[in-house]
């Protein structure tokens, strides 16, 4: 069986590279982070195989990198061996159709808020993200107040079907 190449999203900071591998519900996943490449292989419950190998533009520190799996994807955060911005993710200069920019994490080299990622703060917990989004939505709904245009009291028992 020929393996399918999954969609891979990437972003970077001066000191880390983020990869998001989009494979839903993998049952068996293998990720090999080496100094100059990333290998990925996964099998899903329905028997589909996904795989790729990326030769990275620069060197990473595999021992100081993190892999966080979820049901929808795998987030890999790779610490660069030396700080600096890579012009592309891979050594090859050609466009690879299954690699896209992760605009939710992307920062440009000149962005003022680009600071090196602290030792523990770059660990990604997808449950924290979902929880914070839900909390923000709840706060927004609570802040909206009561329906100001609705009457304060309305007795539905006294109303006939014609009045409703």
Protein backbone atom coordinates (compact mmCIF):
# COMPACT_ATOMS: atom_id res chain seq x y z
CA UNK A 1 0.00 0.00 0.00
CA UNK A 2 1.30 3.44 -0.88
CA UNK A 3 1.40 5.91 1.98
CA UNK A 4 -0.48 9.20 1.72
CA UNK A 5 1.43 12.39 2.43
CA UNK A 6 -0.48 14.39 5.07
CA UNK A 7 -0.90 18.16 5.12
CA UNK A 8 1.85 19.78 7.20
CA UNK A 9 1.61 23.32 8.56
CA UNK A 10 4.72 25.16 9.75
CA UNK A 11 5.71 28.35 11.53
CA UNK A 12 8.83 29.58 13.26
CA UNK A 13 10.36 31.90 15.78
CA UNK A 14 14.03 32.75 16.06
CA UNK A 15 14.57 29.76 18.36
CA UNK A 16 11.87 27.18 17.46
CA UNK A 17 10.06 25.65 14.49
CA UNK A 18 6.44 24.47 14.80
CA UNK A 19 5.04 21.64 12.68
CA UNK A 20 1.41 20.55 12.71
CA UNK A 21 0.79 17.22 10.99
CA UNK A 22 -2.86 16.83 10.07
CA UNK A 23 -3.86 13.18 10.45
CA UNK A 24 -7.13 12.46 12.23
CA UNK A 25 -7.42 9.55 14.67
CA UNK A 26 -4.08 7.80 14.17
CA UNK A 27 -3.84 4.42 15.88
CA UNK A 28 -0.11 3.93 15.41
CA UNK A 29 2.26 6.89 15.09
CA UNK A 30 6.03 7.03 14.64
CA UNK A 31 7.94 10.32 14.69
CA UNK A 32 11.72 10.49 14.28
CA UNK A 33 13.29 13.86 15.05
CA UNK A 34 16.93 13.98 14.00
CA UNK A 35 19.31 16.92 13.80
CA UNK A 36 18.59 17.60 10.11
CA UNK A 37 15.37 15.76 9.29
CA UNK A 38 11.91 14.72 10.46
CA UNK A 39 10.33 11.36 9.64
CA UNK A 40 6.66 10.62 10.23
CA UNK A 41 4.55 7.50 9.78
CA UNK A 42 1.01 6.84 11.02
CA UNK A 43 -1.76 4.35 10.45
CA UNK A 44 -5.41 5.20 11.04
CA UNK A 45 -8.20 2.94 12.26
CA UNK A 46 -9.50 2.53 8.71
CA UNK A 47 -6.09 1.23 7.57
CA UNK A 48 -4.81 4.32 5.75
CA UNK A 49 -1.08 4.94 6.01
CA UNK A 50 0.44 8.42 6.14
CA UNK A 51 4.15 9.15 5.83
CA UNK A 52 6.74 11.77 4.94
CA UNK A 53 10.38 12.71 5.42
CA UNK A 54 11.55 16.32 5.56
CA UNK A 55 15.17 17.40 5.23
CA UNK A 56 15.22 20.54 7.36
CA UNK A 57 16.82 23.81 6.30
CA UNK A 58 18.81 24.05 9.54
CA UNK A 59 19.73 21.90 12.52
CA UNK A 60 17.43 21.25 15.48
CA UNK A 61 18.03 19.80 18.94
CA UNK A 62 15.98 16.57 18.99
CA UNK A 63 16.45 16.14 22.76
CA UNK A 64 14.90 19.56 23.47
CA UNK A 65 11.94 19.15 21.11
CA UNK A 66 8.35 18.19 21.95
CA UNK A 67 5.64 16.08 20.29
CA UNK A 68 2.03 16.59 21.41
CA UNK A 69 -0.49 14.25 19.79
CA UNK A 70 -4.21 14.89 19.67
CA UNK A 71 -7.11 13.19 17.90
CA UNK A 72 -6.93 15.63 14.98
CA UNK A 73 -3.23 16.29 14.54
CA UNK A 74 0.28 16.14 15.93
CA UNK A 75 2.04 19.31 17.05
CA UNK A 76 5.83 19.15 16.96
CA UNK A 77 7.86 21.97 18.50
CA UNK A 78 11.51 21.74 17.52
CA UNK A 79 14.20 23.82 19.22
CA UNK A 80 16.74 25.23 16.73
CA UNK A 81 20.40 24.56 17.53
CA UNK A 82 21.25 28.16 16.71
CA UNK A 83 18.92 31.13 16.78
CA UNK A 84 17.96 32.71 13.52
CA UNK A 85 15.24 32.80 10.91
CA UNK A 86 15.10 30.16 8.22
CA UNK A 87 14.10 31.33 4.73
CA UNK A 88 12.14 28.08 4.27
CA UNK A 89 11.44 24.86 6.18
CA UNK A 90 13.36 22.49 3.92
CA UNK A 91 16.76 22.45 2.24
CA UNK A 92 15.03 22.32 -1.13
CA UNK A 93 14.08 25.72 -2.50
CA UNK A 94 11.17 24.38 -4.52
CA UNK A 95 7.57 24.66 -3.32
CA UNK A 96 6.26 21.46 -1.73
CA UNK A 97 2.48 21.33 -2.22
CA UNK A 98 1.66 19.55 1.05
CA UNK A 99 3.54 22.03 3.26
CA UNK A 100 1.65 25.22 4.14
CA UNK A 101 2.27 28.17 6.46
CA UNK A 102 0.53 27.96 9.83
CA UNK A 103 -0.79 31.52 10.01
CA UNK A 104 -2.18 30.97 13.51
CA UNK A 105 1.42 30.67 14.80
CA UNK A 106 3.31 32.68 12.19
CA UNK A 107 5.44 35.67 13.20
CA UNK A 108 7.64 37.72 10.90
CA UNK A 109 11.29 38.24 11.71
CA UNK A 110 10.80 41.93 12.49
CA UNK A 111 7.75 41.54 14.75
CA UNK A 112 8.27 43.41 18.02
CA UNK A 113 6.65 40.73 20.17
CA UNK A 114 8.98 37.99 18.93
CA UNK A 115 10.84 36.85 22.02
CA UNK A 116 12.71 33.59 22.53
CA UNK A 117 10.35 30.92 23.79
CA UNK A 118 10.86 30.20 27.51
CA UNK A 119 11.85 26.71 28.58
CA UNK A 120 8.43 25.43 29.71
CA UNK A 121 6.03 27.93 28.17
CA UNK A 122 6.34 26.42 24.72
CA UNK A 123 4.80 23.11 25.77
CA UNK A 124 1.47 22.96 23.97
CA UNK A 125 -1.60 21.58 25.69
CA UNK A 126 -4.59 21.39 23.33
CA UNK A 127 -7.00 21.08 26.26
CA UNK A 128 -5.83 24.46 27.61
CA UNK A 129 -6.59 26.06 24.27
CA UNK A 130 -10.09 24.58 24.10
CA UNK A 131 -10.77 25.49 27.73
CA UNK A 132 -9.62 29.08 27.28
CA UNK A 133 -11.72 29.50 24.13
CA UNK A 134 -14.80 28.17 25.91
CA UNK A 135 -14.12 30.42 28.91
CA UNK A 136 -13.78 33.45 26.62
CA UNK A 137 -17.08 32.61 24.93
CA UNK A 138 -18.81 32.19 28.28
CA UNK A 139 -17.43 35.53 29.50
CA UNK A 140 -18.62 37.23 26.32
CA UNK A 141 -22.11 35.79 26.77
CA UNK A 142 -22.17 36.80 30.45
CA UNK A 143 -21.08 40.35 29.57
CA UNK A 144 -23.90 40.73 27.09
CA UNK A 145 -26.38 41.09 29.97
CA UNK A 146 -30.08 40.34 29.91
CA UNK A 147 -32.28 41.00 26.92
CA UNK A 148 -32.87 44.70 27.34
CA UNK A 149 -35.72 44.87 24.82
CA UNK A 150 -37.79 42.09 26.40
CA UNK A 151 -40.49 42.95 28.95
CA UNK A 152 -39.55 42.23 32.56
CA UNK A 153 -42.66 40.19 33.27
CA UNK A 154 -44.69 38.18 30.83
CA UNK A 155 -47.40 35.80 31.99
CA UNK A 156 -47.88 33.16 29.34
CA UNK A 157 -50.69 31.41 31.22
CA UNK A 158 -53.06 34.34 30.77
CA UNK A 159 -52.36 34.74 27.08
CA UNK A 160 -54.68 33.04 24.62
CA UNK A 161 -53.28 31.35 21.48
CA UNK A 162 -54.40 34.42 19.47
CA UNK A 163 -52.37 36.73 21.74
CA UNK A 164 -49.14 34.78 21.38
